[in-house]
Amino acid sequence: MTINHPLLRLAQQKARDARQNGDGAKWMEANEEMKRAAGMPWYRGNSNKRGGEHAMG
């Protein structure tokens, strides 16, 4: 697994800014960017918007 450190730092800054501004949508974008930067093998893009594969209901 390879971590893209410059991209991770940018995403972390975006998440900090979003949290300070109370912008949940921007924080979620930053969270997805952090996952990509960290090279998470289970990253599936926007699966959380559909409720993911383990959604109840």
N, C-alpha and C. Protein backbone atom coordinates (compact mmCIF):
# COMPACT_ATOMS: atom_id res chain seq x y z
N MET A 1 0.85 -1.18 0.00
CA MET A 1 0.00 0.00 0.00
C MET A 1 0.89 1.24 0.00
N THR A 2 0.62 2.14 -0.91
CA THR A 2 1.40 3.37 -1.03
C THR A 2 0.55 4.56 -0.61
N ILE A 3 1.16 5.43 0.17
CA ILE A 3 0.47 6.64 0.62
C ILE A 3 1.01 7.84 -0.14
N ASN A 4 0.11 8.60 -0.73
CA ASN A 4 0.47 9.83 -1.44
C ASN A 4 0.44 10.95 -0.40
N HIS A 5 1.59 11.22 0.21
CA HIS A 5 1.66 12.16 1.32
C HIS A 5 1.25 13.59 0.96
N PRO A 6 1.67 14.14 -0.18
CA PRO A 6 1.22 15.51 -0.52
C PRO A 6 -0.30 15.59 -0.66
N LEU A 7 -0.90 14.59 -1.32
CA LEU A 7 -2.35 14.57 -1.48
C LEU A 7 -3.05 14.39 -0.13
N LEU A 8 -2.47 13.56 0.73
CA LEU A 8 -3.04 13.35 2.06
C LEU A 8 -3.02 14.64 2.87
N ARG A 9 -1.92 15.37 2.81
CA ARG A 9 -1.83 16.65 3.55
C ARG A 9 -2.88 17.65 3.07
N LEU A 10 -3.06 17.72 1.75
CA LEU A 10 -4.07 18.64 1.20
C LEU A 10 -5.48 18.24 1.65
N ALA A 11 -5.75 16.95 1.63
CA ALA A 11 -7.07 16.47 2.04
C ALA A 11 -7.30 16.72 3.53
N GLN A 12 -6.26 16.54 4.34
CA GLN A 12 -6.39 16.79 5.77
C GLN A 12 -6.65 18.28 6.04
N GLN A 13 -5.99 19.14 5.30
CA GLN A 13 -6.22 20.58 5.46
C GLN A 13 -7.66 20.93 5.06
N LYS A 14 -8.12 20.32 3.97
CA LYS A 14 -9.49 20.55 3.52
C LYS A 14 -10.48 20.11 4.60
N ALA A 15 -10.20 18.97 5.24
CA ALA A 15 -11.08 18.46 6.30
C ALA A 15 -11.07 19.39 7.51
N ARG A 16 -9.89 19.90 7.87
CA ARG A 16 -9.81 20.84 9.00
C ARG A 16 -10.61 22.11 8.72
N ASP A 17 -10.43 22.64 7.51
CA ASP A 17 -11.16 23.86 7.13
C ASP A 17 -12.67 23.62 7.14
N ALA A 18 -13.09 22.47 6.60
CA ALA A 18 -14.51 22.15 6.55
C ALA A 18 -15.08 22.02 7.95
N ARG A 19 -14.33 21.41 8.85
CA ARG A 19 -14.81 21.25 10.23
C ARG A 19 -14.95 22.61 10.91
N GLN A 20 -13.97 23.47 10.70
CA GLN A 20 -14.03 24.81 11.31
C GLN A 20 -15.22 25.61 10.78
N ASN A 21 -15.56 25.40 9.51
CA ASN A 21 -16.66 26.13 8.89
C ASN A 21 -18.01 25.43 9.06
N GLY A 22 -18.00 24.23 9.64
CA GLY A 22 -19.24 23.49 9.81
C GLY A 22 -19.83 22.99 8.51
N ASP A 23 -18.98 22.71 7.52
CA ASP A 23 -19.42 22.28 6.20
C ASP A 23 -19.28 20.75 6.09
N GLY A 24 -20.37 20.05 6.37
CA GLY A 24 -20.35 18.59 6.37
C GLY A 24 -20.08 18.00 5.01
N ALA A 25 -20.64 18.59 3.96
CA ALA A 25 -20.44 18.06 2.61
C ALA A 25 -18.97 18.17 2.20
N LYS A 26 -18.35 19.29 2.51
CA LYS A 26 -16.93 19.48 2.19
C LYS A 26 -16.07 18.51 3.00
N TRP A 27 -16.47 18.25 4.26
CA TRP A 27 -15.73 17.31 5.09
C TRP A 27 -15.81 15.90 4.50
N MET A 28 -16.99 15.51 4.00
CA MET A 28 -17.13 14.19 3.38
C MET A 28 -16.26 14.07 2.13
N GLU A 29 -16.19 15.14 1.34
CA GLU A 29 -15.30 15.13 0.17
C GLU A 29 -13.86 14.91 0.61
N ALA A 30 -13.45 15.64 1.63
CA ALA A 30 -12.09 15.52 2.13
C ALA A 30 -11.83 14.12 2.67
N ASN A 31 -12.82 13.54 3.32
CA ASN A 31 -12.68 12.19 3.85
C ASN A 31 -12.42 11.19 2.72
N GLU A 32 -13.17 11.31 1.63
CA GLU A 32 -12.97 10.43 0.48
C GLU A 32 -11.58 10.66 -0.14
N GLU A 33 -11.14 11.92 -0.19
CA GLU A 33 -9.82 12.23 -0.73
C GLU A 33 -8.72 11.63 0.15
N MET A 34 -8.92 11.66 1.47
CA MET A 34 -7.94 11.06 2.38
C MET A 34 -7.86 9.56 2.16
N LYS A 35 -8.99 8.91 1.93
CA LYS A 35 -8.99 7.47 1.67
C LYS A 35 -8.21 7.15 0.40
N ARG A 36 -8.45 7.94 -0.65
CA ARG A 36 -7.71 7.72 -1.90
C ARG A 36 -6.22 7.94 -1.70
N ALA A 37 -5.87 9.01 -1.00
CA ALA A 37 -4.45 9.34 -0.78
C ALA A 37 -3.76 8.26 0.03
N ALA A 38 -4.49 7.65 0.96
CA ALA A 38 -3.91 6.60 1.80
C ALA A 38 -3.86 5.27 1.07
N GLY A 39 -4.45 5.20 -0.11
CA GLY A 39 -4.40 3.97 -0.90
C GLY A 39 -5.22 2.85 -0.29
N MET A 40 -6.33 3.19 0.32
CA MET A 40 -7.16 2.18 0.96
C MET A 40 -7.69 1.22 -0.10
N PRO A 41 -7.38 -0.07 0.02
CA PRO A 41 -7.79 -1.03 -1.02
C PRO A 41 -9.30 -1.22 -1.09
N TRP A 42 -10.01 -0.90 -0.03
CA TRP A 42 -11.46 -1.07 -0.03
C TRP A 42 -12.18 0.20 -0.46
N TYR A 43 -11.44 1.21 -0.94
CA TYR A 43 -12.06 2.45 -1.40
C TYR A 43 -12.91 2.14 -2.63
N ARG A 44 -14.19 2.54 -2.58
CA ARG A 44 -15.11 2.26 -3.68
C ARG A 44 -15.78 3.51 -4.22
N GLY A 45 -15.20 4.64 -4.02
CA GLY A 45 -15.79 5.86 -4.54
C GLY A 45 -16.94 6.33 -3.69
N ASN A 46 -18.09 6.53 -4.28
CA ASN A 46 -19.23 7.14 -3.59
C ASN A 46 -20.22 6.10 -3.06
N SER A 47 -19.76 4.93 -2.64
CA SER A 47 -20.67 3.90 -2.17
C SER A 47 -21.47 4.35 -0.96
N ASN A 48 -20.90 5.26 -0.15
CA ASN A 48 -21.63 5.70 1.04
C ASN A 48 -22.87 6.53 0.68
N LYS A 49 -22.92 7.11 -0.50
CA LYS A 49 -24.08 7.88 -0.91
C LYS A 49 -25.27 6.97 -1.22
N ARG A 50 -24.99 5.72 -1.58
CA ARG A 50 -26.05 4.75 -1.85
C ARG A 50 -26.37 3.95 -0.59
N GLY A 51 -25.67 4.21 0.49
CA GLY A 51 -25.89 3.46 1.70
C GLY A 51 -24.88 2.34 1.88
N GLY A 52 -24.03 2.14 0.88
CA GLY A 52 -22.99 1.11 0.99
C GLY A 52 -23.57 -0.29 0.83
N GLU A 53 -22.71 -1.26 0.83
CA GLU A 53 -23.14 -2.63 0.61
C GLU A 53 -23.79 -3.24 1.84
N HIS A 54 -23.59 -2.63 3.01
CA HIS A 54 -24.13 -3.18 4.25
C HIS A 54 -25.29 -2.35 4.79
N ALA A 55 -25.91 -1.57 3.92
CA ALA A 55 -27.00 -0.70 4.38
C ALA A 55 -28.21 -1.53 4.78
N MET A 56 -28.83 -1.10 5.83
CA MET A 56 -30.04 -1.79 6.30
C MET A 56 -31.25 -1.12 5.66
N GLY A 57 -32.28 -1.89 5.42
CA GLY A 57 -33.52 -1.27 4.97
C GLY A 57 -33.85 -1.62 3.62
